[in-house]
């Protein structure tokens, strides 16, 4: 059975670890943001690092937060987190960024790719953001994360070239810069808006509609 306290701790701990870094975040700050007593945090989690790895696991593993999680939550098994990361990598390159078939024909339109990237970001940003921000604490995950991130941007840029040559999006100078710009828009609306402004909760469907509309209006030719 889902525990509402764990849901709140997941979001607020993930937000604080991401914006303040792990070393600068106090358990008492997490408790205050999550609306629970500091003692409750210590009853629910075996350690501060257990909170961090809980955030990573909950972001990467669908339905984990809805499961009957044994308490206190122990530090997550690193091999399990690495396996979840590998599953994410397969999803990114075999589904989300796969836009052509084996013959090179486009099978996914630009707007759908953008929407898929938004959905992925909304699902996993508390994990990837914290791995990037707290790489010194999560070295094993970070060692795999940074090469995948670089590959993500390369494939994304290649996809823009495909859409440009097909006449679906406008001509682009400095496509690598556009990749970063599009990704920043999508990740901002997918999670960062709520991370940086937690008192203003933007519903996911609304954020998705806004983000996809911003990107497609800027890049599509004749609103294809």
N, C-alpha and C. Protein backbone atom coordinates (compact mmCIF):
# COMPACT_ATOMS: atom_id res chain seq x y z
N UNK A 1 0.85 -1.20 0.00
CA UNK A 1 0.00 0.00 0.00
C UNK A 1 0.88 1.24 0.00
N UNK A 2 0.55 2.22 -0.85
CA UNK A 2 1.35 3.43 -0.97
C UNK A 2 1.32 4.22 0.33
N UNK A 3 2.44 4.80 0.68
CA UNK A 3 2.58 5.62 1.88
C UNK A 3 2.73 7.07 1.44
N UNK A 4 1.76 7.91 1.79
CA UNK A 4 1.77 9.31 1.36
C UNK A 4 3.02 10.03 1.84
N UNK A 5 3.53 9.62 2.99
CA UNK A 5 4.75 10.26 3.50
C UNK A 5 5.93 10.00 2.58
N UNK A 6 6.02 8.79 2.07
CA UNK A 6 7.12 8.45 1.17
C UNK A 6 7.01 9.21 -0.15
N UNK A 7 5.79 9.41 -0.63
CA UNK A 7 5.59 10.20 -1.85
C UNK A 7 6.12 11.62 -1.64
N UNK A 8 5.77 12.22 -0.51
CA UNK A 8 6.19 13.59 -0.24
C UNK A 8 7.71 13.68 -0.06
N UNK A 9 8.27 12.72 0.66
CA UNK A 9 9.72 12.71 0.87
C UNK A 9 10.44 12.51 -0.45
N UNK A 10 9.91 11.63 -1.28
CA UNK A 10 10.51 11.38 -2.60
C UNK A 10 10.67 12.69 -3.38
N UNK A 11 9.59 13.44 -3.49
CA UNK A 11 9.65 14.67 -4.29
C UNK A 11 10.55 15.72 -3.64
N UNK A 12 10.33 15.98 -2.36
CA UNK A 12 11.05 17.09 -1.72
C UNK A 12 12.52 16.75 -1.47
N UNK A 13 12.82 15.52 -1.11
CA UNK A 13 14.23 15.14 -0.97
C UNK A 13 14.92 15.19 -2.33
N UNK A 14 14.24 14.67 -3.35
CA UNK A 14 14.82 14.73 -4.69
C UNK A 14 15.07 16.15 -5.14
N UNK A 15 14.11 17.02 -4.84
CA UNK A 15 14.25 18.44 -5.22
C UNK A 15 15.43 19.09 -4.48
N UNK A 16 15.51 18.86 -3.18
CA UNK A 16 16.56 19.49 -2.38
C UNK A 16 17.94 18.94 -2.72
N UNK A 17 18.05 17.62 -2.87
CA UNK A 17 19.33 17.04 -3.25
C UNK A 17 19.78 17.57 -4.61
N UNK A 18 18.83 17.82 -5.49
CA UNK A 18 19.14 18.27 -6.85
C UNK A 18 19.56 19.74 -6.87
N UNK A 19 18.90 20.56 -6.07
CA UNK A 19 19.18 22.00 -6.11
C UNK A 19 20.26 22.43 -5.13
N UNK A 20 20.38 21.72 -4.00
CA UNK A 20 21.36 22.11 -2.98
C UNK A 20 22.57 21.19 -2.90
N UNK A 21 22.49 20.05 -3.55
CA UNK A 21 23.45 18.96 -3.46
C UNK A 21 23.25 18.18 -2.16
N UNK A 22 23.64 16.93 -2.25
CA UNK A 22 23.46 16.00 -1.14
C UNK A 22 24.16 16.50 0.13
N UNK A 23 25.42 16.91 -0.01
CA UNK A 23 26.21 17.29 1.16
C UNK A 23 25.64 18.51 1.88
N UNK A 24 24.96 19.38 1.15
CA UNK A 24 24.44 20.62 1.73
C UNK A 24 23.01 20.51 2.23
N UNK A 25 22.41 19.35 2.09
CA UNK A 25 21.01 19.17 2.47
C UNK A 25 20.91 18.44 3.80
N UNK A 26 20.20 19.04 4.74
CA UNK A 26 19.99 18.44 6.05
C UNK A 26 18.70 17.63 6.06
N UNK A 27 18.72 16.57 6.85
CA UNK A 27 17.52 15.75 6.99
C UNK A 27 16.36 16.59 7.53
N UNK A 28 16.66 17.53 8.41
CA UNK A 28 15.62 18.39 8.96
C UNK A 28 14.98 19.25 7.87
N UNK A 29 15.75 19.65 6.85
CA UNK A 29 15.20 20.42 5.74
C UNK A 29 14.24 19.57 4.91
N UNK A 30 14.63 18.32 4.69
CA UNK A 30 13.75 17.41 3.95
C UNK A 30 12.45 17.22 4.71
N UNK A 31 12.56 17.01 6.01
CA UNK A 31 11.37 16.80 6.84
C UNK A 31 10.44 18.00 6.78
N UNK A 32 11.00 19.20 6.91
CA UNK A 32 10.18 20.41 6.89
C UNK A 32 9.48 20.57 5.55
N UNK A 33 10.21 20.34 4.46
CA UNK A 33 9.62 20.49 3.13
C UNK A 33 8.55 19.43 2.87
N UNK A 34 8.77 18.22 3.39
CA UNK A 34 7.83 17.12 3.16
C UNK A 34 6.65 17.13 4.12
N UNK A 35 6.71 17.99 5.13
CA UNK A 35 5.60 18.09 6.07
C UNK A 35 5.54 16.97 7.09
N UNK A 36 6.71 16.44 7.46
CA UNK A 36 6.77 15.39 8.48
C UNK A 36 7.80 15.79 9.52
N UNK A 37 7.77 15.13 10.67
CA UNK A 37 8.75 15.40 11.72
C UNK A 37 10.10 14.81 11.33
N UNK A 38 11.17 15.43 11.81
CA UNK A 38 12.50 14.91 11.52
C UNK A 38 12.65 13.48 12.04
N UNK A 39 12.07 13.21 13.20
CA UNK A 39 12.12 11.86 13.75
C UNK A 39 11.45 10.85 12.86
N UNK A 40 10.41 11.28 12.16
CA UNK A 40 9.71 10.39 11.23
C UNK A 40 10.64 9.96 10.10
N UNK A 41 11.44 10.90 9.62
CA UNK A 41 12.40 10.57 8.56
C UNK A 41 13.34 9.46 9.03
N UNK A 42 13.83 9.60 10.26
CA UNK A 42 14.76 8.59 10.77
C UNK A 42 14.07 7.26 11.03
N UNK A 43 12.77 7.28 11.27
CA UNK A 43 12.02 6.03 11.42
C UNK A 43 11.78 5.36 10.07
N UNK A 44 11.66 6.18 9.03
CA UNK A 44 11.34 5.66 7.71
C UNK A 44 12.57 5.25 6.91
N UNK A 45 13.72 5.85 7.21
CA UNK A 45 14.93 5.60 6.42
C UNK A 45 16.10 5.24 7.34
N UNK A 46 16.91 4.30 6.87
CA UNK A 46 18.05 3.84 7.66
C UNK A 46 19.17 4.86 7.71
N UNK A 47 19.26 5.72 6.70
CA UNK A 47 20.34 6.70 6.64
C UNK A 47 19.98 7.79 5.64
N UNK A 48 20.76 8.85 5.64
CA UNK A 48 20.56 9.92 4.67
C UNK A 48 20.80 9.42 3.25
N UNK A 49 21.84 8.60 3.07
CA UNK A 49 22.10 8.08 1.73
C UNK A 49 20.98 7.16 1.27
N UNK A 50 20.32 6.50 2.21
CA UNK A 50 19.17 5.66 1.85
C UNK A 50 18.07 6.51 1.23
N UNK A 51 17.94 7.76 1.69
CA UNK A 51 16.94 8.66 1.10
C UNK A 51 17.32 8.96 -0.35
N UNK A 52 18.60 9.25 -0.57
CA UNK A 52 19.05 9.58 -1.93
C UNK A 52 18.84 8.41 -2.88
N UNK A 53 19.24 7.21 -2.49
CA UNK A 53 19.09 6.07 -3.39
C UNK A 53 17.62 5.68 -3.54
N UNK A 54 16.80 5.96 -2.52
CA UNK A 54 15.36 5.77 -2.62
C UNK A 54 14.79 6.66 -3.73
N UNK A 55 15.23 7.91 -3.77
CA UNK A 55 14.78 8.85 -4.81
C UNK A 55 15.16 8.32 -6.19
N UNK A 56 16.39 7.84 -6.33
CA UNK A 56 16.84 7.32 -7.63
C UNK A 56 15.99 6.12 -8.04
N UNK A 57 15.80 5.19 -7.12
CA UNK A 57 15.03 3.99 -7.44
C UNK A 57 13.58 4.34 -7.78
N UNK A 58 12.97 5.20 -6.98
CA UNK A 58 11.57 5.54 -7.21
C UNK A 58 11.37 6.26 -8.53
N UNK A 59 12.38 7.00 -8.97
CA UNK A 59 12.29 7.70 -10.25
C UNK A 59 12.47 6.76 -11.43
N UNK A 60 13.29 5.74 -11.26
CA UNK A 60 13.60 4.82 -12.36
C UNK A 60 12.68 3.61 -12.43
N UNK A 61 12.13 3.20 -11.30
CA UNK A 61 11.36 1.96 -11.24
C UNK A 61 9.86 2.26 -11.14
N UNK A 62 9.17 2.01 -12.22
CA UNK A 62 7.73 2.27 -12.27
C UNK A 62 7.01 1.47 -11.19
N UNK A 63 6.09 2.12 -10.51
CA UNK A 63 5.23 1.51 -9.49
C UNK A 63 5.93 1.21 -8.17
N UNK A 64 7.22 1.53 -8.05
CA UNK A 64 7.90 1.26 -6.78
C UNK A 64 7.24 2.01 -5.63
N UNK A 65 6.91 3.28 -5.86
CA UNK A 65 6.29 4.08 -4.80
C UNK A 65 4.92 3.55 -4.41
N UNK A 66 4.27 2.83 -5.31
CA UNK A 66 2.94 2.31 -5.03
C UNK A 66 2.99 0.93 -4.36
N UNK A 67 4.18 0.39 -4.21
CA UNK A 67 4.32 -0.96 -3.65
C UNK A 67 4.40 -0.90 -2.12
N UNK A 68 4.39 -2.05 -1.51
CA UNK A 68 4.51 -2.16 -0.06
C UNK A 68 6.00 -2.15 0.28
N UNK A 69 6.54 -0.97 0.55
CA UNK A 69 7.98 -0.80 0.75
C UNK A 69 8.35 -1.12 2.19
N UNK A 70 9.25 -2.07 2.42
CA UNK A 70 9.67 -2.39 3.80
C UNK A 70 10.32 -1.18 4.48
N UNK A 71 10.00 -1.00 5.74
CA UNK A 71 10.55 0.11 6.51
C UNK A 71 11.40 -0.43 7.66
N UNK A 72 12.47 0.28 8.02
CA UNK A 72 12.96 1.49 7.37
C UNK A 72 13.58 1.17 6.01
N UNK A 73 13.52 2.13 5.11
CA UNK A 73 14.09 1.95 3.77
C UNK A 73 15.61 1.93 3.89
N UNK A 74 16.21 0.86 3.39
CA UNK A 74 17.66 0.74 3.40
C UNK A 74 18.25 1.35 2.13
N UNK A 75 19.55 1.56 2.14
CA UNK A 75 20.22 2.04 0.94
C UNK A 75 19.99 1.05 -0.20
N UNK A 76 19.59 1.55 -1.35
CA UNK A 76 19.25 0.67 -2.47
C UNK A 76 20.48 -0.08 -2.97
N UNK A 77 20.25 -1.31 -3.41
CA UNK A 77 21.32 -2.13 -3.96
C UNK A 77 21.82 -1.50 -5.26
N UNK A 78 23.11 -1.24 -5.35
CA UNK A 78 23.66 -0.55 -6.51
C UNK A 78 23.50 -1.38 -7.78
N UNK A 79 23.61 -2.68 -7.70
CA UNK A 79 23.43 -3.51 -8.89
C UNK A 79 22.01 -3.38 -9.44
N UNK A 80 21.05 -3.24 -8.53
CA UNK A 80 19.66 -3.05 -8.98
C UNK A 80 19.50 -1.70 -9.67
N UNK A 81 20.11 -0.67 -9.10
CA UNK A 81 20.02 0.66 -9.72
C UNK A 81 20.71 0.67 -11.08
N UNK A 82 21.83 -0.03 -11.20
CA UNK A 82 22.52 -0.10 -12.49
C UNK A 82 21.67 -0.84 -13.52
N UNK A 83 20.97 -1.88 -13.08
CA UNK A 83 20.09 -2.62 -13.99
C UNK A 83 18.93 -1.73 -14.46
N UNK A 84 18.38 -0.94 -13.54
CA UNK A 84 17.32 0.00 -13.91
C UNK A 84 17.83 1.03 -14.91
N UNK A 85 19.05 1.49 -14.70
CA UNK A 85 19.65 2.46 -15.62
C UNK A 85 19.82 1.86 -17.01
N UNK A 86 20.22 0.60 -17.07
CA UNK A 86 20.39 -0.06 -18.36
C UNK A 86 19.04 -0.22 -19.07
N UNK A 87 18.00 -0.52 -18.32
CA UNK A 87 16.66 -0.60 -18.92
C UNK A 87 16.25 0.76 -19.49
N UNK A 88 16.58 1.83 -18.76
CA UNK A 88 16.28 3.18 -19.25
C UNK A 88 17.04 3.46 -20.54
N UNK A 89 18.30 3.07 -20.59
CA UNK A 89 19.10 3.30 -21.80
C UNK A 89 18.48 2.61 -23.01
N UNK A 90 18.02 1.38 -22.82
CA UNK A 90 17.38 0.65 -23.92
C UNK A 90 16.11 1.36 -24.37
N UNK A 91 15.36 1.87 -23.42
CA UNK A 91 14.13 2.60 -23.75
C UNK A 91 14.45 3.87 -24.54
N UNK A 92 15.49 4.58 -24.14
CA UNK A 92 15.85 5.83 -24.81
C UNK A 92 16.20 5.58 -26.28
N UNK A 93 17.09 4.63 -26.52
CA UNK A 93 17.63 4.48 -27.87
C UNK A 93 16.83 3.53 -28.76
N UNK A 94 16.06 2.63 -28.16
CA UNK A 94 15.28 1.70 -28.97
C UNK A 94 13.83 2.14 -29.15
N UNK A 95 13.38 3.09 -28.34
CA UNK A 95 11.99 3.54 -28.44
C UNK A 95 11.90 5.06 -28.63
N UNK A 96 12.36 5.81 -27.66
CA UNK A 96 12.12 7.25 -27.65
C UNK A 96 12.81 7.96 -28.81
N UNK A 97 14.07 7.64 -29.06
CA UNK A 97 14.82 8.33 -30.11
C UNK A 97 14.87 7.54 -31.42
N UNK A 98 14.20 6.43 -31.49
CA UNK A 98 14.15 5.67 -32.74
C UNK A 98 13.05 6.25 -33.62
N UNK A 99 13.43 6.94 -34.68
CA UNK A 99 12.44 7.67 -35.49
C UNK A 99 12.37 7.16 -36.92
N UNK A 100 13.20 6.18 -37.28
CA UNK A 100 13.15 5.60 -38.62
C UNK A 100 13.16 4.08 -38.53
N UNK A 101 12.72 3.43 -39.61
CA UNK A 101 12.81 1.97 -39.66
C UNK A 101 14.14 1.57 -40.29
N UNK A 102 14.30 0.28 -40.55
CA UNK A 102 15.58 -0.22 -41.07
C UNK A 102 15.89 0.30 -42.47
N UNK A 103 14.87 0.78 -43.17
CA UNK A 103 15.09 1.32 -44.52
C UNK A 103 15.39 2.82 -44.50
N UNK A 104 15.28 3.43 -43.32
CA UNK A 104 15.51 4.86 -43.22
C UNK A 104 14.25 5.69 -43.32
N UNK A 105 13.10 5.05 -43.50
CA UNK A 105 11.84 5.78 -43.59
C UNK A 105 11.42 6.27 -42.20
N UNK A 106 10.92 7.49 -42.15
CA UNK A 106 10.51 8.08 -40.87
C UNK A 106 9.27 7.36 -40.35
N UNK A 107 9.35 6.88 -39.13
CA UNK A 107 8.22 6.19 -38.50
C UNK A 107 7.66 6.96 -37.30
N UNK A 108 8.37 7.99 -36.88
CA UNK A 108 7.90 8.81 -35.76
C UNK A 108 8.09 10.27 -36.13
N UNK A 109 7.02 11.03 -36.06
CA UNK A 109 7.09 12.44 -36.42
C UNK A 109 7.76 13.25 -35.32
N UNK A 110 8.24 14.42 -35.72
CA UNK A 110 8.97 15.29 -34.80
C UNK A 110 8.17 15.59 -33.55
N UNK A 111 6.90 15.92 -33.72
CA UNK A 111 6.07 16.27 -32.56
C UNK A 111 5.96 15.11 -31.59
N UNK A 112 5.84 13.88 -32.11
CA UNK A 112 5.74 12.72 -31.23
C UNK A 112 7.05 12.46 -30.51
N UNK A 113 8.18 12.63 -31.21
CA UNK A 113 9.46 12.46 -30.54
C UNK A 113 9.61 13.45 -29.40
N UNK A 114 9.22 14.69 -29.64
CA UNK A 114 9.30 15.72 -28.61
C UNK A 114 8.43 15.34 -27.41
N UNK A 115 7.21 14.88 -27.68
CA UNK A 115 6.31 14.48 -26.60
C UNK A 115 6.88 13.29 -25.82
N UNK A 116 7.50 12.36 -26.53
CA UNK A 116 8.09 11.19 -25.86
C UNK A 116 9.26 11.59 -24.97
N UNK A 117 10.07 12.54 -25.43
CA UNK A 117 11.18 13.01 -24.60
C UNK A 117 10.65 13.72 -23.36
N UNK A 118 9.59 14.49 -23.52
CA UNK A 118 8.98 15.13 -22.35
C UNK A 118 8.54 14.08 -21.34
N UNK A 119 7.82 13.06 -21.80
CA UNK A 119 7.31 12.03 -20.89
C UNK A 119 8.45 11.32 -20.17
N UNK A 120 9.51 11.02 -20.90
CA UNK A 120 10.66 10.38 -20.27
C UNK A 120 11.25 11.29 -19.21
N UNK A 121 11.42 12.56 -19.54
CA UNK A 121 12.00 13.50 -18.59
C UNK A 121 11.16 13.62 -17.33
N UNK A 122 9.84 13.68 -17.50
CA UNK A 122 8.96 13.78 -16.34
C UNK A 122 9.07 12.55 -15.45
N UNK A 123 9.32 11.40 -16.07
CA UNK A 123 9.43 10.15 -15.31
C UNK A 123 10.74 10.06 -14.53
N UNK A 124 11.84 10.49 -15.14
CA UNK A 124 13.15 10.11 -14.59
C UNK A 124 14.05 11.28 -14.18
N UNK A 125 13.55 12.51 -14.25
CA UNK A 125 14.44 13.65 -14.03
C UNK A 125 14.98 13.73 -12.61
N UNK A 126 14.21 13.27 -11.62
CA UNK A 126 14.74 13.29 -10.26
C UNK A 126 15.89 12.30 -10.11
N UNK A 127 15.91 11.27 -10.94
CA UNK A 127 17.04 10.34 -10.92
C UNK A 127 18.24 10.92 -11.66
N UNK A 128 18.05 11.27 -12.92
CA UNK A 128 19.18 11.73 -13.72
C UNK A 128 19.74 13.05 -13.19
N UNK A 129 18.85 13.94 -12.73
CA UNK A 129 19.32 15.20 -12.19
C UNK A 129 20.19 15.01 -10.96
N UNK A 130 19.79 14.07 -10.12
CA UNK A 130 20.57 13.83 -8.90
C UNK A 130 21.85 13.06 -9.17
N UNK A 131 21.84 12.17 -10.15
CA UNK A 131 23.08 11.48 -10.51
C UNK A 131 24.09 12.49 -11.03
N UNK A 132 23.62 13.42 -11.84
CA UNK A 132 24.52 14.44 -12.39
C UNK A 132 25.01 15.39 -11.30
N UNK A 133 24.11 15.85 -10.44
CA UNK A 133 24.46 16.82 -9.41
C UNK A 133 25.32 16.20 -8.31
N UNK A 134 25.03 14.95 -7.99
CA UNK A 134 25.71 14.28 -6.87
C UNK A 134 26.58 13.12 -7.36
N UNK A 135 27.30 13.37 -8.45
CA UNK A 135 28.11 12.31 -9.06
C UNK A 135 29.17 11.78 -8.11
N UNK A 136 29.65 12.62 -7.21
CA UNK A 136 30.69 12.16 -6.28
C UNK A 136 30.14 11.16 -5.26
N UNK A 137 28.84 11.20 -5.02
CA UNK A 137 28.21 10.26 -4.09
C UNK A 137 27.75 9.00 -4.83
N UNK A 138 27.37 9.17 -6.08
CA UNK A 138 26.80 8.08 -6.89
C UNK A 138 27.73 7.76 -8.05
N UNK A 139 28.98 7.47 -7.74
CA UNK A 139 30.01 7.33 -8.77
C UNK A 139 29.70 6.24 -9.79
N UNK A 140 29.23 5.09 -9.32
CA UNK A 140 28.98 3.99 -10.25
C UNK A 140 27.88 4.36 -11.25
N UNK A 141 26.83 5.00 -10.77
CA UNK A 141 25.77 5.43 -11.67
C UNK A 141 26.26 6.54 -12.59
N UNK A 142 27.04 7.47 -12.04
CA UNK A 142 27.53 8.59 -12.83
C UNK A 142 28.46 8.12 -13.95
N UNK A 143 29.25 7.09 -13.69
CA UNK A 143 30.17 6.58 -14.71
C UNK A 143 29.42 6.10 -15.95
N UNK A 144 28.21 5.59 -15.75
CA UNK A 144 27.41 5.17 -16.89
C UNK A 144 26.55 6.29 -17.44
N UNK A 145 26.19 7.24 -16.58
CA UNK A 145 25.26 8.29 -16.99
C UNK A 145 25.84 9.25 -18.02
N UNK A 146 27.05 9.73 -17.79
CA UNK A 146 27.60 10.78 -18.64
C UNK A 146 27.82 10.32 -20.09
N UNK A 147 28.35 9.12 -20.34
CA UNK A 147 28.44 8.67 -21.74
C UNK A 147 27.07 8.53 -22.40
N UNK A 148 26.07 8.06 -21.65
CA UNK A 148 24.72 7.93 -22.22
C UNK A 148 24.14 9.30 -22.52
N UNK A 149 24.36 10.26 -21.64
CA UNK A 149 23.88 11.61 -21.89
C UNK A 149 24.48 12.17 -23.18
N UNK A 150 25.78 11.97 -23.37
CA UNK A 150 26.43 12.47 -24.58
C UNK A 150 25.88 11.78 -25.82
N UNK A 151 25.65 10.47 -25.72
CA UNK A 151 25.07 9.74 -26.86
C UNK A 151 23.66 10.22 -27.14
N UNK A 152 22.89 10.50 -26.10
CA UNK A 152 21.53 11.02 -26.26
C UNK A 152 21.55 12.28 -27.11
N UNK A 153 22.44 13.21 -26.80
CA UNK A 153 22.50 14.46 -27.55
C UNK A 153 22.94 14.23 -28.99
N UNK A 154 23.86 13.29 -29.21
CA UNK A 154 24.30 13.01 -30.58
C UNK A 154 23.17 12.42 -31.43
N UNK A 155 22.43 11.47 -30.86
CA UNK A 155 21.33 10.85 -31.61
C UNK A 155 20.21 11.87 -31.83
N UNK A 156 19.93 12.67 -30.82
CA UNK A 156 18.92 13.73 -30.94
C UNK A 156 19.29 14.67 -32.09
N UNK A 157 20.55 15.06 -32.15
CA UNK A 157 21.01 15.95 -33.23
C UNK A 157 20.86 15.27 -34.59
N UNK A 158 21.20 14.00 -34.66
CA UNK A 158 21.04 13.25 -35.91
C UNK A 158 19.57 13.22 -36.33
N UNK A 159 18.68 13.05 -35.36
CA UNK A 159 17.25 13.03 -35.68
C UNK A 159 16.78 14.38 -36.23
N UNK A 160 17.31 15.46 -35.69
CA UNK A 160 16.95 16.78 -36.23
C UNK A 160 17.38 16.89 -37.69
N UNK A 161 18.53 16.33 -38.01
CA UNK A 161 18.99 16.34 -39.40
C UNK A 161 18.03 15.56 -40.29
N UNK A 162 17.55 14.42 -39.79
CA UNK A 162 16.59 13.61 -40.55
C UNK A 162 15.32 14.42 -40.82
N UNK A 163 14.79 15.05 -39.79
CA UNK A 163 13.56 15.83 -39.95
C UNK A 163 13.78 17.05 -40.85
N UNK A 164 14.95 17.66 -40.74
CA UNK A 164 15.26 18.82 -41.57
C UNK A 164 15.33 18.42 -43.04
N UNK A 165 16.02 17.32 -43.33
CA UNK A 165 16.16 16.87 -44.72
C UNK A 165 14.83 16.40 -45.30
N UNK A 166 13.92 15.94 -44.44
CA UNK A 166 12.60 15.51 -44.89
C UNK A 166 11.65 16.69 -45.07
N UNK A 167 12.10 17.89 -44.72
CA UNK A 167 11.26 19.07 -44.85
C UNK A 167 10.20 19.20 -43.77
N UNK A 168 10.41 18.49 -42.67
CA UNK A 168 9.42 18.54 -41.58
C UNK A 168 9.68 19.69 -40.62
N UNK A 169 10.96 20.00 -40.40
CA UNK A 169 11.31 21.14 -39.56
C UNK A 169 12.17 22.11 -40.37
N UNK A 170 12.27 23.31 -39.87
CA UNK A 170 12.98 24.36 -40.59
C UNK A 170 14.49 24.11 -40.60
N UNK A 171 15.17 24.82 -41.49
CA UNK A 171 16.62 24.71 -41.55
C UNK A 171 17.24 25.27 -40.27
N UNK A 172 18.31 24.63 -39.82
CA UNK A 172 18.91 25.01 -38.55
C UNK A 172 20.40 25.26 -38.70
N UNK A 173 20.84 26.40 -38.20
CA UNK A 173 22.26 26.61 -37.99
C UNK A 173 22.58 26.14 -36.57
N UNK A 174 23.75 25.59 -36.38
CA UNK A 174 24.18 25.13 -35.06
C UNK A 174 23.18 24.15 -34.43
N UNK A 175 22.93 23.02 -35.09
CA UNK A 175 21.91 22.08 -34.58
C UNK A 175 22.19 21.58 -33.17
N UNK A 176 23.46 21.47 -32.79
CA UNK A 176 23.77 21.00 -31.43
C UNK A 176 23.22 21.97 -30.39
N UNK A 177 23.25 23.26 -30.71
CA UNK A 177 22.70 24.26 -29.79
C UNK A 177 21.19 24.11 -29.71
N UNK A 178 20.56 23.82 -30.83
CA UNK A 178 19.10 23.63 -30.84
C UNK A 178 18.71 22.41 -30.02
N UNK A 179 19.51 21.35 -30.10
CA UNK A 179 19.24 20.16 -29.29
C UNK A 179 19.21 20.52 -27.81
N UNK A 180 20.21 21.27 -27.38
CA UNK A 180 20.26 21.67 -25.97
C UNK A 180 19.08 22.56 -25.60
N UNK A 181 18.73 23.47 -26.50
CA UNK A 181 17.61 24.38 -26.26
C UNK A 181 16.30 23.61 -26.11
N UNK A 182 16.04 22.69 -27.04
CA UNK A 182 14.81 21.90 -26.98
C UNK A 182 14.78 21.07 -25.71
N UNK A 183 15.89 20.43 -25.41
CA UNK A 183 15.95 19.60 -24.20
C UNK A 183 15.72 20.44 -22.94
N UNK A 184 16.28 21.64 -22.91
CA UNK A 184 16.09 22.51 -21.75
C UNK A 184 14.62 22.89 -21.58
N UNK A 185 13.94 23.18 -22.68
CA UNK A 185 12.51 23.53 -22.60
C UNK A 185 11.71 22.34 -22.05
N UNK A 186 11.99 21.17 -22.59
CA UNK A 186 11.22 19.99 -22.18
C UNK A 186 11.49 19.61 -20.73
N UNK A 187 12.75 19.64 -20.32
CA UNK A 187 13.05 19.27 -18.93
C UNK A 187 12.56 20.33 -17.96
N UNK A 188 12.57 21.59 -18.38
CA UNK A 188 12.04 22.64 -17.51
C UNK A 188 10.58 22.38 -17.18
N UNK A 189 9.78 22.14 -18.21
CA UNK A 189 8.35 21.94 -17.98
C UNK A 189 8.06 20.56 -17.41
N UNK A 190 8.90 19.58 -17.71
CA UNK A 190 8.67 18.23 -17.20
C UNK A 190 8.86 18.14 -15.69
N UNK A 191 9.83 18.88 -15.17
CA UNK A 191 10.09 18.75 -13.74
C UNK A 191 10.64 20.02 -13.11
N UNK A 192 11.52 20.73 -13.80
CA UNK A 192 12.22 21.84 -13.16
C UNK A 192 11.30 22.96 -12.70
N UNK A 193 10.20 23.17 -13.41
CA UNK A 193 9.26 24.21 -12.99
C UNK A 193 8.76 23.92 -11.58
N UNK A 194 8.45 22.65 -11.31
CA UNK A 194 7.96 22.27 -9.98
C UNK A 194 9.09 22.14 -8.97
N UNK A 195 10.29 21.77 -9.42
CA UNK A 195 11.42 21.67 -8.51
C UNK A 195 11.81 23.05 -7.99
N UNK A 196 11.89 24.02 -8.89
CA UNK A 196 12.35 25.35 -8.51
C UNK A 196 11.23 26.20 -7.92
N UNK A 197 9.98 25.84 -8.22
CA UNK A 197 8.84 26.58 -7.68
C UNK A 197 7.84 25.58 -7.09
N UNK A 198 8.22 24.91 -5.99
CA UNK A 198 7.39 23.82 -5.46
C UNK A 198 6.01 24.26 -4.99
N UNK A 199 5.84 25.54 -4.71
CA UNK A 199 4.53 26.01 -4.26
C UNK A 199 3.56 26.19 -5.43
N UNK A 200 4.09 26.14 -6.66
CA UNK A 200 3.25 26.28 -7.84
C UNK A 200 3.30 24.96 -8.60
N UNK A 201 2.35 24.09 -8.33
CA UNK A 201 2.35 22.76 -8.92
C UNK A 201 1.68 22.79 -10.29
N UNK A 202 2.45 22.51 -11.34
CA UNK A 202 1.91 22.49 -12.70
C UNK A 202 1.53 21.06 -13.05
N UNK A 203 0.25 20.78 -13.33
CA UNK A 203 -0.15 19.42 -13.69
C UNK A 203 0.64 18.91 -14.89
N UNK A 204 0.96 17.63 -14.87
CA UNK A 204 1.81 17.06 -15.92
C UNK A 204 1.21 17.23 -17.31
N UNK A 205 -0.07 16.98 -17.47
CA UNK A 205 -0.69 17.10 -18.80
C UNK A 205 -0.60 18.53 -19.31
N UNK A 206 -0.80 19.49 -18.41
CA UNK A 206 -0.71 20.90 -18.80
C UNK A 206 0.71 21.25 -19.20
N UNK A 207 1.67 20.82 -18.39
CA UNK A 207 3.08 21.09 -18.70
C UNK A 207 3.48 20.46 -20.03
N UNK A 208 3.01 19.26 -20.28
CA UNK A 208 3.32 18.56 -21.53
C UNK A 208 2.77 19.33 -22.73
N UNK A 209 1.53 19.78 -22.62
CA UNK A 209 0.91 20.52 -23.72
C UNK A 209 1.68 21.81 -24.00
N UNK A 210 2.05 22.53 -22.95
CA UNK A 210 2.78 23.79 -23.11
C UNK A 210 4.14 23.54 -23.75
N UNK A 211 4.88 22.58 -23.21
CA UNK A 211 6.24 22.33 -23.69
C UNK A 211 6.26 21.88 -25.15
N UNK A 212 5.40 20.93 -25.48
CA UNK A 212 5.36 20.42 -26.85
C UNK A 212 4.92 21.52 -27.81
N UNK A 213 3.97 22.34 -27.39
CA UNK A 213 3.50 23.44 -28.24
C UNK A 213 4.62 24.45 -28.48
N UNK A 214 5.37 24.79 -27.44
CA UNK A 214 6.47 25.74 -27.59
C UNK A 214 7.49 25.25 -28.61
N UNK A 215 7.85 23.98 -28.51
CA UNK A 215 8.88 23.43 -29.39
C UNK A 215 8.37 23.29 -30.82
N UNK A 216 7.18 22.74 -30.98
CA UNK A 216 6.69 22.51 -32.34
C UNK A 216 6.40 23.82 -33.07
N UNK A 217 5.91 24.81 -32.37
CA UNK A 217 5.68 26.11 -33.01
C UNK A 217 6.99 26.72 -33.50
N UNK A 218 8.07 26.47 -32.77
CA UNK A 218 9.36 27.05 -33.13
C UNK A 218 10.03 26.32 -34.30
N UNK A 219 9.72 25.03 -34.48
CA UNK A 219 10.51 24.23 -35.43
C UNK A 219 9.73 23.65 -36.60
N UNK A 220 8.48 23.30 -36.42
CA UNK A 220 7.74 22.66 -37.51
C UNK A 220 7.50 23.62 -38.67
N UNK A 221 7.53 23.08 -39.88
CA UNK A 221 7.17 23.84 -41.07
C UNK A 221 5.70 23.60 -41.36
N UNK A 222 4.93 24.66 -41.46
CA UNK A 222 3.50 24.56 -41.77
C UNK A 222 2.76 23.66 -40.80
N UNK A 223 3.26 23.61 -39.54
CA UNK A 223 2.59 22.85 -38.48
C UNK A 223 2.29 21.41 -38.90
N UNK A 224 3.29 20.76 -39.50
CA UNK A 224 3.10 19.37 -39.97
C UNK A 224 2.85 18.43 -38.81
